[in-house]
PDB file of N, CA and C in Angstrom:
ATOM      1  N   UNK A   1       0.852  -1.169   0.000  1.00  0.00           N
ATOM      2  CA  UNK A   1       0.000   0.000   0.000  1.00  0.00           C
ATOM      3  C   UNK A   1       0.898   1.232   0.000  1.00  0.00           C
ATOM      4  N   UNK A   2       0.666   2.164  -0.919  1.00  0.00           N
ATOM      5  CA  UNK A   2       1.498   3.365  -0.967  1.00  0.00           C
ATOM      6  C   UNK A   2       1.244   4.282   0.222  1.00  0.00           C
ATOM      7  N   UNK A   3       2.189   5.193   0.502  1.00  0.00           N
ATOM      8  CA  UNK A   3       1.984   6.121   1.619  1.00  0.00           C
ATOM      9  C   UNK A   3       0.771   7.009   1.367  1.00  0.00           C
ATOM     10  N   UNK A   4       0.161   7.528   2.425  1.00  0.00           N
ATOM     11  CA  UNK A   4      -1.015   8.375   2.256  1.00  0.00           C
ATOM     12  C   UNK A   4      -0.692   9.612   1.412  1.00  0.00           C
ATOM     13  N   UNK A   5      -1.630   9.994   0.586  1.00  0.00           N
ATOM     14  CA  UNK A   5      -1.516  11.220  -0.197  1.00  0.00           C
ATOM     15  C   UNK A   5      -2.777  12.025   0.066  1.00  0.00           C
ATOM     16  N   UNK A   6      -2.952  13.101  -0.698  1.00  0.00           N
ATOM     17  CA  UNK A   6      -4.149  13.903  -0.494  1.00  0.00           C
ATOM     18  C   UNK A   6      -5.407  13.117  -0.833  1.00  0.00           C
ATOM     19  N   UNK A   7      -5.282  12.082  -1.666  1.00  0.00           N
ATOM     20  CA  UNK A   7      -6.454  11.267  -2.003  1.00  0.00           C
ATOM     21  C   UNK A   7      -6.525  10.002  -1.168  1.00  0.00           C
ATOM     22  N   UNK A   8      -5.463   9.697  -0.435  1.00  0.00           N
ATOM     23  CA  UNK A   8      -5.445   8.522   0.434  1.00  0.00           C
ATOM     24  C   UNK A   8      -5.280   8.977   1.877  1.00  0.00           C
ATOM     25  N   UNK A   9      -6.325   8.827   2.675  1.00  0.00           N
ATOM     26  CA  UNK A   9      -6.235   9.300   4.061  1.00  0.00           C
ATOM     27  C   UNK A   9      -5.258   8.470   4.891  1.00  0.00           C
ATOM     28  N   UNK A  10      -4.739   9.081   5.947  1.00  0.00           N
ATOM     29  CA  UNK A  10      -3.806   8.403   6.845  1.00  0.00           C
ATOM     30  C   UNK A  10      -4.512   7.376   7.710  1.00  0.00           C
ATOM     31  N   UNK A  11      -5.831   7.507   7.857  1.00  0.00           N
ATOM     32  CA  UNK A  11      -6.602   6.538   8.643  1.00  0.00           C
ATOM     33  C   UNK A  11      -7.788   6.048   7.823  1.00  0.00           C
ATOM     34  N   UNK A  12      -8.253   4.863   8.179  1.00  0.00           N
ATOM     35  CA  UNK A  12      -9.399   4.245   7.517  1.00  0.00           C
ATOM     36  C   UNK A  12     -10.437   3.880   8.563  1.00  0.00           C
ATOM     37  N   UNK A  13     -11.677   3.770   8.138  1.00  0.00           N
ATOM     38  CA  UNK A  13     -12.688   3.219   9.038  1.00  0.00           C
ATOM     39  C   UNK A  13     -12.414   1.726   9.173  1.00  0.00           C
ATOM     40  N   UNK A  14     -13.012   1.109  10.157  1.00  0.00           N
ATOM     41  CA  UNK A  14     -12.842  -0.335  10.336  1.00  0.00           C
ATOM     42  C   UNK A  14     -13.387  -1.064   9.107  1.00  0.00           C
ATOM     43  N   UNK A  15     -14.476  -0.589   8.558  1.00  0.00           N
ATOM     44  CA  UNK A  15     -15.055  -1.235   7.377  1.00  0.00           C
ATOM     45  C   UNK A  15     -14.141  -1.104   6.164  1.00  0.00           C
ATOM     46  N   UNK A  16     -13.508   0.052   5.993  1.00  0.00           N
ATOM     47  CA  UNK A  16     -12.560   0.223   4.889  1.00  0.00           C
ATOM     48  C   UNK A  16     -11.350  -0.692   5.066  1.00  0.00           C
ATOM     49  N   UNK A  17     -10.858  -0.799   6.299  1.00  0.00           N
ATOM     50  CA  UNK A  17      -9.734  -1.690   6.581  1.00  0.00           C
ATOM     51  C   UNK A  17     -10.116  -3.141   6.300  1.00  0.00           C
ATOM     52  N   UNK A  18     -11.346  -3.509   6.625  1.00  0.00           N
ATOM     53  CA  UNK A  18     -11.811  -4.868   6.348  1.00  0.00           C
ATOM     54  C   UNK A  18     -11.750  -5.158   4.852  1.00  0.00           C
ATOM     55  N   UNK A  19     -12.132  -4.187   4.038  1.00  0.00           N
ATOM     56  CA  UNK A  19     -12.073  -4.377   2.589  1.00  0.00           C
ATOM     57  C   UNK A  19     -10.639  -4.562   2.118  1.00  0.00           C
ATOM     58  N   UNK A  20      -9.717  -3.765   2.650  1.00  0.00           N
ATOM     59  CA  UNK A  20      -8.308  -3.887   2.273  1.00  0.00           C
ATOM     60  C   UNK A  20      -7.776  -5.270   2.651  1.00  0.00           C
ATOM     61  N   UNK A  21      -8.138  -5.730   3.843  1.00  0.00           N
ATOM     62  CA  UNK A  21      -7.657  -7.023   4.337  1.00  0.00           C
ATOM     63  C   UNK A  21      -8.452  -8.210   3.792  1.00  0.00           C
ATOM     64  N   UNK A  22      -9.560  -7.896   3.118  1.00  0.00           N
ATOM     65  CA  UNK A  22     -10.443  -8.923   2.555  1.00  0.00           C
ATOM     66  C   UNK A  22     -10.982  -9.852   3.642  1.00  0.00           C
ATOM     67  N   UNK A  23     -11.441  -9.213   4.725  1.00  0.00           N
ATOM     68  CA  UNK A  23     -12.105  -9.929   5.807  1.00  0.00           C
ATOM     69  C   UNK A  23     -13.480  -9.303   5.995  1.00  0.00           C
ATOM     70  N   UNK A  24     -14.339  -9.975   6.703  1.00  0.00           N
ATOM     71  CA  UNK A  24     -15.678  -9.466   6.927  1.00  0.00           C
ATOM     72  C   UNK A  24     -15.721  -8.320   7.923  1.00  0.00           C
ATOM     73  N   UNK A  25     -16.790  -7.552   7.828  1.00  0.00           N
ATOM     74  CA  UNK A  25     -17.010  -6.413   8.716  1.00  0.00           C
ATOM     75  C   UNK A  25     -17.060  -6.844  10.179  1.00  0.00           C
ATOM     76  N   UNK A  26     -17.799  -7.903  10.458  1.00  0.00           N
ATOM     77  CA  UNK A  26     -17.932  -8.390  11.829  1.00  0.00           C
ATOM     78  C   UNK A  26     -16.586  -8.837  12.383  1.00  0.00           C
ATOM     79  N   UNK A  27     -15.809  -9.539  11.568  1.00  0.00           N
ATOM     80  CA  UNK A  27     -14.481  -9.981  11.988  1.00  0.00           C
ATOM     81  C   UNK A  27     -13.581  -8.788  12.259  1.00  0.00           C
ATOM     82  N   UNK A  28     -13.641  -7.785  11.401  1.00  0.00           N
ATOM     83  CA  UNK A  28     -12.805  -6.597  11.584  1.00  0.00           C
ATOM     84  C   UNK A  28     -13.144  -5.883  12.888  1.00  0.00           C
ATOM     85  N   UNK A  29     -14.422  -5.731  13.185  1.00  0.00           N
ATOM     86  CA  UNK A  29     -14.803  -5.076  14.441  1.00  0.00           C
ATOM     87  C   UNK A  29     -14.393  -5.924  15.648  1.00  0.00           C
ATOM     88  N   UNK A  30     -14.494  -7.231  15.536  1.00  0.00           N
ATOM     89  CA  UNK A  30     -14.059  -8.105  16.632  1.00  0.00           C
ATOM     90  C   UNK A  30     -12.555  -7.951  16.862  1.00  0.00           C
ATOM     91  N   UNK A  31     -11.784  -7.890  15.786  1.00  0.00           N
ATOM     92  CA  UNK A  31     -10.336  -7.699  15.906  1.00  0.00           C
ATOM     93  C   UNK A  31     -10.003  -6.318  16.466  1.00  0.00           C
ATOM     94  N   UNK A  32     -10.770  -5.311  16.088  1.00  0.00           N
ATOM     95  CA  UNK A  32     -10.555  -3.962  16.621  1.00  0.00           C
ATOM     96  C   UNK A  32     -10.820  -3.932  18.129  1.00  0.00           C
ATOM     97  N   UNK A  33     -11.862  -4.629  18.569  1.00  0.00           N
ATOM     98  CA  UNK A  33     -12.171  -4.691  20.017  1.00  0.00           C
ATOM     99  C   UNK A  33     -11.097  -5.455  20.778  1.00  0.00           C
ATOM    100  N   UNK A  34     -10.410  -6.368  20.118  1.00  0.00           N
ATOM    101  CA  UNK A  34      -9.368  -7.186  20.751  1.00  0.00           C
ATOM    102  C   UNK A  34      -8.076  -6.388  20.984  1.00  0.00           C
ATOM    103  N   UNK A  35      -7.842  -5.363  20.190  1.00  0.00           N
ATOM    104  CA  UNK A  35      -6.579  -4.616  20.212  1.00  0.00           C
ATOM    105  C   UNK A  35      -6.259  -4.017  21.579  1.00  0.00           C
ATOM    106  N   UNK A  36      -7.179  -3.284  22.147  1.00  0.00           N
ATOM    107  CA  UNK A  36      -6.906  -2.559  23.400  1.00  0.00           C
ATOM    108  C   UNK A  36      -6.681  -3.478  24.596  1.00  0.00           C
ATOM    109  N   UNK A  37      -7.566  -4.467  24.852  1.00  0.00           N
ATOM    110  CA  UNK A  37      -7.356  -5.311  26.036  1.00  0.00           C
ATOM    111  C   UNK A  37      -6.080  -6.150  25.983  1.00  0.00           C
ATOM    112  N   UNK A  38      -5.560  -6.412  24.785  1.00  0.00           N
ATOM    113  CA  UNK A  38      -4.337  -7.212  24.680  1.00  0.00           C
ATOM    114  C   UNK A  38      -3.088  -6.339  24.643  1.00  0.00           C
ATOM    115  N   UNK A  39      -3.270  -5.048  24.809  1.00  0.00           N
ATOM    116  CA  UNK A  39      -2.127  -4.141  24.778  1.00  0.00           C
ATOM    117  C   UNK A  39      -1.448  -4.108  23.419  1.00  0.00           C
ATOM    118  N   UNK A  40      -2.204  -4.397  22.375  1.00  0.00           N
ATOM    119  CA  UNK A  40      -1.655  -4.366  21.028  1.00  0.00           C
ATOM    120  C   UNK A  40      -0.950  -5.630  20.599  1.00  0.00           C
ATOM    121  N   UNK A  41      -1.010  -6.679  21.427  1.00  0.00           N
ATOM    122  CA  UNK A  41      -0.357  -7.937  21.060  1.00  0.00           C
ATOM    123  C   UNK A  41      -1.125  -8.681  19.976  1.00  0.00           C
ATOM    124  N   UNK A  42      -2.429  -8.450  19.900  1.00  0.00           N
ATOM    125  CA  UNK A  42      -3.223  -9.094  18.856  1.00  0.00           C
ATOM    126  C   UNK A  42      -4.406  -8.201  18.519  1.00  0.00           C
ATOM    127  N   UNK A  43      -5.006  -8.489  17.403  1.00  0.00           N
ATOM    128  CA  UNK A  43      -6.143  -7.705  16.968  1.00  0.00           C
ATOM    129  C   UNK A  43      -5.774  -6.727  15.864  1.00  0.00           C
ATOM    130  N   UNK A  44      -6.707  -5.871  15.533  1.00  0.00           N
ATOM    131  CA  UNK A  44      -6.531  -4.870  14.489  1.00  0.00           C
ATOM    132  C   UNK A  44      -6.149  -3.543  15.145  1.00  0.00           C
ATOM    133  N   UNK A  45      -4.978  -2.997  14.813  1.00  0.00           N
ATOM    134  CA  UNK A  45      -4.552  -1.738  15.438  1.00  0.00           C
ATOM    135  C   UNK A  45      -5.547  -0.614  15.147  1.00  0.00           C
ATOM    136  N   UNK A  46      -5.954   0.079  16.190  1.00  0.00           N
ATOM    137  CA  UNK A  46      -6.924   1.157  16.023  1.00  0.00           C
ATOM    138  C   UNK A  46      -6.543   2.373  16.863  1.00  0.00           C
ATOM    139  N   UNK A  47      -7.024   3.516  16.421  1.00  0.00           N
ATOM    140  CA  UNK A  47      -6.963   4.755  17.197  1.00  0.00           C
ATOM    141  C   UNK A  47      -8.374   5.012  17.692  1.00  0.00           C
ATOM    142  N   UNK A  48      -8.526   5.246  18.980  1.00  0.00           N
ATOM    143  CA  UNK A  48      -9.837   5.564  19.534  1.00  0.00           C
ATOM    144  C   UNK A  48      -9.890   7.058  19.773  1.00  0.00           C
ATOM    145  N   UNK A  49     -10.764   7.727  19.040  1.00  0.00           N
ATOM    146  CA  UNK A  49     -10.923   9.171  19.133  1.00  0.00           C
ATOM    147  C   UNK A  49     -12.332   9.444  19.623  1.00  0.00           C
ATOM    148  N   UNK A  50     -12.475   9.498  20.933  1.00  0.00           N
ATOM    149  CA  UNK A  50     -13.820   9.589  21.500  1.00  0.00           C
ATOM    150  C   UNK A  50     -14.558   8.289  21.208  1.00  0.00           C
ATOM    151  N   UNK A  51     -15.704   8.408  20.563  1.00  0.00           N
ATOM    152  CA  UNK A  51     -16.476   7.208  20.203  1.00  0.00           C
ATOM    153  C   UNK A  51     -16.154   6.721  18.790  1.00  0.00           C
ATOM    154  N   UNK A  52     -15.217   7.412  18.134  1.00  0.00           N
ATOM    155  CA  UNK A  52     -14.832   7.069  16.766  1.00  0.00           C
ATOM    156  C   UNK A  52     -13.590   6.180  16.789  1.00  0.00           C
ATOM    157  N   UNK A  53     -13.586   5.159  15.945  1.00  0.00           N
ATOM    158  CA  UNK A  53     -12.449   4.246  15.847  1.00  0.00           C
ATOM    159  C   UNK A  53     -11.918   4.308  14.422  1.00  0.00           C
ATOM    160  N   UNK A  54     -10.611   4.491  14.288  1.00  0.00           N
ATOM    161  CA  UNK A  54      -9.970   4.525  12.974  1.00  0.00           C
ATOM    162  C   UNK A  54      -8.767   3.593  12.977  1.00  0.00           C
ATOM    163  N   UNK A  55      -8.463   3.056  11.810  1.00  0.00           N
ATOM    164  CA  UNK A  55      -7.315   2.169  11.632  1.00  0.00           C
ATOM    165  C   UNK A  55      -6.230   2.954  10.889  1.00  0.00           C
ATOM    166  N   UNK A  56      -5.050   3.103  11.488  1.00  0.00           N
ATOM    167  CA  UNK A  56      -3.975   3.820  10.799  1.00  0.00           C
ATOM    168  C   UNK A  56      -3.517   3.056   9.551  1.00  0.00           C
ATOM    169  N   UNK A  57      -3.416   3.753   8.438  1.00  0.00           N
ATOM    170  CA  UNK A  57      -2.958   3.120   7.185  1.00  0.00           C
ATOM    171  C   UNK A  57      -1.574   2.502   7.373  1.00  0.00           C
ATOM    172  N   UNK A  58      -0.700   3.156   8.140  1.00  0.00           N
ATOM    173  CA  UNK A  58       0.648   2.625   8.369  1.00  0.00           C
ATOM    174  C   UNK A  58       0.586   1.265   9.067  1.00  0.00           C
ATOM    175  N   UNK A  59      -0.377   1.091   9.980  1.00  0.00           N
ATOM    176  CA  UNK A  59      -0.522  -0.199  10.659  1.00  0.00           C
ATOM    177  C   UNK A  59      -0.949  -1.275   9.676  1.00  0.00           C
ATOM    178  N   UNK A  60      -1.834  -0.935   8.741  1.00  0.00           N
ATOM    179  CA  UNK A  60      -2.227  -1.911   7.718  1.00  0.00           C
ATOM    180  C   UNK A  60      -1.038  -2.265   6.835  1.00  0.00           C
ATOM    181  N   UNK A  61      -0.224  -1.265   6.506  1.00  0.00           N
ATOM    182  CA  UNK A  61       0.977  -1.533   5.713  1.00  0.00           C
ATOM    183  C   UNK A  61       1.862  -2.558   6.404  1.00  0.00           C
ATOM    184  N   UNK A  62       2.049  -2.394   7.723  1.00  0.00           N
ATOM    185  CA  UNK A  62       2.891  -3.333   8.477  1.00  0.00           C
ATOM    186  C   UNK A  62       2.270  -4.727   8.488  1.00  0.00           C
ATOM    187  N   UNK A  63       0.960  -4.809   8.668  1.00  0.00           N
ATOM    188  CA  UNK A  63       0.288  -6.116   8.678  1.00  0.00           C
ATOM    189  C   UNK A  63       0.472  -6.808   7.334  1.00  0.00           C
ATOM    190  N   UNK A  64       0.321  -6.055   6.257  1.00  0.00           N
ATOM    191  CA  UNK A  64       0.399  -6.637   4.920  1.00  0.00           C
ATOM    192  C   UNK A  64       1.828  -6.927   4.480  1.00  0.00           C
ATOM    193  N   UNK A  65       2.808  -6.382   5.173  1.00  0.00           N
ATOM    194  CA  UNK A  65       4.208  -6.569   4.803  1.00  0.00           C
ATOM    195  C   UNK A  65       4.930  -7.553   5.716  1.00  0.00           C
ATOM    196  N   UNK A  66       4.198  -8.344   6.458  1.00  0.00           N
ATOM    197  CA  UNK A  66       4.802  -9.307   7.380  1.00  0.00           C
ATOM    198  C   UNK A  66       5.491 -10.408   6.583  1.00  0.00           C
ATOM    199  N   UNK A  67       6.698 -10.708   6.974  1.00  0.00           N
ATOM    200  CA  UNK A  67       7.410 -11.817   6.327  1.00  0.00           C
ATOM    201  C   UNK A  67       7.043 -13.103   7.060  1.00  0.00           C
ATOM    202  N   UNK A  68       6.800 -14.141   6.274  1.00  0.00           N
ATOM    203  CA  UNK A  68       6.380 -15.424   6.825  1.00  0.00           C
ATOM    204  C   UNK A  68       7.414 -16.475   6.467  1.00  0.00           C
ATOM    205  N   UNK A  69       7.792 -17.296   7.426  1.00  0.00           N
ATOM    206  CA  UNK A  69       8.718 -18.382   7.161  1.00  0.00           C
ATOM    207  C   UNK A  69       7.978 -19.505   6.434  1.00  0.00           C
ATOM    208  N   UNK A  70       8.572 -19.975   5.356  1.00  0.00           N
ATOM    209  CA  UNK A  70       7.981 -21.091   4.607  1.00  0.00           C
ATOM    210  C   UNK A  70       8.493 -22.392   5.216  1.00  0.00           C
ATOM    211  N   UNK A  71       7.878 -23.527   4.888  1.00  0.00           N
ATOM    212  CA  UNK A  71       8.322 -24.810   5.445  1.00  0.00           C
ATOM    213  C   UNK A  71       9.805 -25.103   5.171  1.00  0.00           C
ATOM    214  N   UNK A  72      10.352 -24.578   4.076  1.00  0.00           N
ATOM    215  CA  UNK A  72      11.754 -24.821   3.759  1.00  0.00           C
ATOM    216  C   UNK A  72      12.695 -23.928   4.564  1.00  0.00           C
ATOM    217  N   UNK A  73      12.120 -22.996   5.321  1.00  0.00           N
ATOM    218  CA  UNK A  73      12.933 -22.101   6.131  1.00  0.00           C
ATOM    219  C   UNK A  73      13.194 -20.762   5.475  1.00  0.00           C
ATOM    220  N   UNK A  74      12.844 -20.624   4.199  1.00  0.00           N
ATOM    221  CA  UNK A  74      13.010 -19.359   3.501  1.00  0.00           C
ATOM    222  C   UNK A  74      11.941 -18.388   3.987  1.00  0.00           C
ATOM    223  N   UNK A  75      12.204 -17.109   3.850  1.00  0.00           N
ATOM    224  CA  UNK A  75      11.178 -16.117   4.169  1.00  0.00           C
ATOM    225  C   UNK A  75      10.682 -15.499   2.901  1.00  0.00           C
ATOM    226  N   UNK A  76       9.425 -15.211   2.866  1.00  0.00           N
ATOM    227  CA  UNK A  76       8.845 -14.546   1.704  1.00  0.00           C
ATOM    228  C   UNK A  76       7.653 -13.739   2.178  1.00  0.00           C
ATOM    229  N   UNK A  77       7.230 -12.828   1.324  1.00  0.00           N
ATOM    230  CA  UNK A  77       6.036 -12.049   1.644  1.00  0.00           C
ATOM    231  C   UNK A  77       4.817 -12.905   1.436  1.00  0.00           C
ATOM    232  N   UNK A  78       3.806 -12.634   2.238  1.00  0.00           N
ATOM    233  CA  UNK A  78       2.535 -13.328   2.074  1.00  0.00           C
ATOM    234  C   UNK A  78       1.908 -12.973   0.774  1.00  0.00           C
TER     235      UNK A  78
END
């Protein structure tokens, strides 16, 4: 995902993040609720601004850029 520009906001709604991650809306909200109680160890990273919840685009970039070890021991992008 490219860095935010004037047409790409720095934050997304949970529903927009769900579309990027290709997961369901309900799953995305469940992951967002999981973020705070786990101290960020699991779940969908979110910013809580009053009653509004937003997902930082940079956090999605990190999630999508995770390197995964393959069975042969090599690392590759998902």
